[in-house]
Amino acid sequence: MNFSKYNFTSFTCTIADPAVFTATAHELYVDDELIFETTGALPTGLTVDTVVYYVIRNGITANSFQVSTTKGDTAGLVTTCTQ
């Protein structure tokens, strides 16, 4: 899985509620927009190429982040990310 803003940097996604994405030194900020792309299949709960996801304040660290379909809010929080 990749996010194109950062040159197709790979990340992992926990099978948890809420889903936590991990990418070492990702350099993302709250409200950054992500559109996921992959050469395979995205985990259930994510949509490829058409849905804009936003990095939210909850859970953001230097190496992990959470996303929502609603900017600045947890209303659209991705709560499932299963393989």
C-alpha atoms as a PDB file:
ATOM      1  CA  MET A   1       0.000   0.000   0.000  1.00  0.00           C
ATOM      2  CA  ASN A   2       1.219   3.464  -0.751  1.00  0.00           C
ATOM      3  CA  PHE A   3       0.397   7.129  -0.480  1.00  0.00           C
ATOM      4  CA  SER A   4       1.516   9.079  -3.529  1.00  0.00           C
ATOM      5  CA  LYS A   5       2.203  12.476  -1.932  1.00  0.00           C
ATOM      6  CA  TYR A   6       5.297  10.963  -0.427  1.00  0.00           C
ATOM      7  CA  ASN A   7       6.681   9.161  -3.449  1.00  0.00           C
ATOM      8  CA  PHE A   8       4.741   5.970  -2.935  1.00  0.00           C
ATOM      9  CA  THR A   9       5.905   5.392   0.616  1.00  0.00           C
ATOM     10  CA  SER A  10       4.774   2.037   1.930  1.00  0.00           C
ATOM     11  CA  PHE A  11       2.780   1.694   5.123  1.00  0.00           C
ATOM     12  CA  THR A  12       1.109  -0.972   7.198  1.00  0.00           C
ATOM     13  CA  CYS A  13      -2.351  -0.882   8.698  1.00  0.00           C
ATOM     14  CA  THR A  14      -3.366  -2.609  11.926  1.00  0.00           C
ATOM     15  CA  ILE A  15      -6.392  -4.814  12.101  1.00  0.00           C
ATOM     16  CA  ALA A  16      -7.853  -2.789  14.953  1.00  0.00           C
ATOM     17  CA  ASP A  17     -10.617  -0.419  15.914  1.00  0.00           C
ATOM     18  CA  PRO A  18      -9.655   2.246  15.074  1.00  0.00           C
ATOM     19  CA  ALA A  19      -7.219   1.352  12.335  1.00  0.00           C
ATOM     20  CA  VAL A  20      -3.668   2.640  12.901  1.00  0.00           C
ATOM     21  CA  PHE A  21      -1.353   3.200   9.950  1.00  0.00           C
ATOM     22  CA  THR A  22       2.384   2.884  10.412  1.00  0.00           C
ATOM     23  CA  ALA A  23       5.074   4.420   8.196  1.00  0.00           C
ATOM     24  CA  THR A  24       8.486   5.196   9.671  1.00  0.00           C
ATOM     25  CA  ALA A  25       9.163   8.963   9.733  1.00  0.00           C
ATOM     26  CA  HIS A  26       6.074   9.590   7.570  1.00  0.00           C
ATOM     27  CA  GLU A  27       6.209  13.426   7.850  1.00  0.00           C
ATOM     28  CA  LEU A  28       2.419  13.728   7.599  1.00  0.00           C
ATOM     29  CA  TYR A  29       0.510  16.503   9.338  1.00  0.00           C
ATOM     30  CA  VAL A  30      -3.032  16.827  10.640  1.00  0.00           C
ATOM     31  CA  ASP A  31      -5.467  17.463   7.736  1.00  0.00           C
ATOM     32  CA  ASP A  32      -3.034  16.212   5.062  1.00  0.00           C
ATOM     33  CA  GLU A  33      -5.023  14.596   2.258  1.00  0.00           C
ATOM     34  CA  LEU A  34      -4.296  11.023   1.186  1.00  0.00           C
ATOM     35  CA  ILE A  35      -5.558   9.018  -1.759  1.00  0.00           C
ATOM     36  CA  PHE A  36      -4.481   5.412  -1.512  1.00  0.00           C
ATOM     37  CA  GLU A  37      -3.044   3.497  -4.444  1.00  0.00           C
ATOM     38  CA  THR A  38      -1.815  -0.062  -4.684  1.00  0.00           C
ATOM     39  CA  THR A  39      -0.625  -2.623  -7.189  1.00  0.00           C
ATOM     40  CA  GLY A  40      -2.577  -5.253  -5.255  1.00  0.00           C
ATOM     41  CA  ALA A  41      -5.643  -4.936  -3.058  1.00  0.00           C
ATOM     42  CA  LEU A  42      -6.206  -2.499  -0.224  1.00  0.00           C
ATOM     43  CA  PRO A  43      -7.423  -3.857   3.091  1.00  0.00           C
ATOM     44  CA  THR A  44     -11.178  -3.975   3.593  1.00  0.00           C
ATOM     45  CA  GLY A  45     -12.413  -0.608   4.793  1.00  0.00           C
ATOM     46  CA  LEU A  46     -10.257   1.435   2.391  1.00  0.00           C
ATOM     47  CA  THR A  47     -11.041   2.571  -1.130  1.00  0.00           C
ATOM     48  CA  VAL A  48      -8.427   2.957  -3.834  1.00  0.00           C
ATOM     49  CA  ASP A  49      -8.019   6.030  -6.090  1.00  0.00           C
ATOM     50  CA  THR A  50     -11.402   7.700  -5.464  1.00  0.00           C
ATOM     51  CA  VAL A  51     -11.764   8.532  -1.764  1.00  0.00           C
ATOM     52  CA  VAL A  52      -9.847  11.347  -0.102  1.00  0.00           C
ATOM     53  CA  TYR A  53      -8.773  10.498   3.444  1.00  0.00           C
ATOM     54  CA  TYR A  54      -7.515  13.045   5.957  1.00  0.00           C
ATOM     55  CA  VAL A  55      -4.872  12.560   8.625  1.00  0.00           C
ATOM     56  CA  ILE A  56      -6.502  13.281  11.983  1.00  0.00           C
ATOM     57  CA  ARG A  57      -5.077  14.510  15.277  1.00  0.00           C
ATOM     58  CA  ASN A  58      -5.961  11.288  17.126  1.00  0.00           C
ATOM     59  CA  GLY A  59      -3.071   8.860  17.217  1.00  0.00           C
ATOM     60  CA  ILE A  60      -0.567  10.832  15.146  1.00  0.00           C
ATOM     61  CA  THR A  61       3.075  10.243  16.048  1.00  0.00           C
ATOM     62  CA  ALA A  62       6.325  10.374  14.095  1.00  0.00           C
ATOM     63  CA  ASN A  63       5.678   6.837  12.832  1.00  0.00           C
ATOM     64  CA  SER A  64       1.912   6.308  12.956  1.00  0.00           C
ATOM     65  CA  PHE A  65      -1.333   8.036  12.026  1.00  0.00           C
ATOM     66  CA  GLN A  66      -5.081   7.545  11.687  1.00  0.00           C
ATOM     67  CA  VAL A  67      -7.328   8.675   8.845  1.00  0.00           C
ATOM     68  CA  SER A  68     -10.884   9.864   8.432  1.00  0.00           C
ATOM     69  CA  THR A  69     -13.086  10.608   5.439  1.00  0.00           C
ATOM     70  CA  THR A  70     -14.021  13.863   7.205  1.00  0.00           C
ATOM     71  CA  LYS A  71     -11.438  16.643   7.494  1.00  0.00           C
ATOM     72  CA  GLY A  72     -10.485  17.586  11.039  1.00  0.00           C
ATOM     73  CA  ASP A  73     -12.870  15.120  12.604  1.00  0.00           C
ATOM     74  CA  THR A  74     -13.263  11.539  13.705  1.00  0.00           C
ATOM     75  CA  ALA A  75     -16.768  11.329  12.196  1.00  0.00           C
ATOM     76  CA  GLY A  76     -15.473   9.365   9.205  1.00  0.00           C
ATOM     77  CA  LEU A  77     -12.715   7.568  11.100  1.00  0.00           C
ATOM     78  CA  VAL A  78     -11.502   4.406   9.393  1.00  0.00           C
ATOM     79  CA  THR A  79     -12.391   1.941  12.106  1.00  0.00           C
ATOM     80  CA  THR A  80     -11.655  -1.257  10.240  1.00  0.00           C
ATOM     81  CA  CYS A  81      -8.644  -2.243   8.245  1.00  0.00           C
ATOM     82  CA  THR A  82      -8.558  -5.973   7.711  1.00  0.00           C
ATOM     83  CA  GLN A  83      -6.352  -8.087   5.497  1.00  0.00           C
END
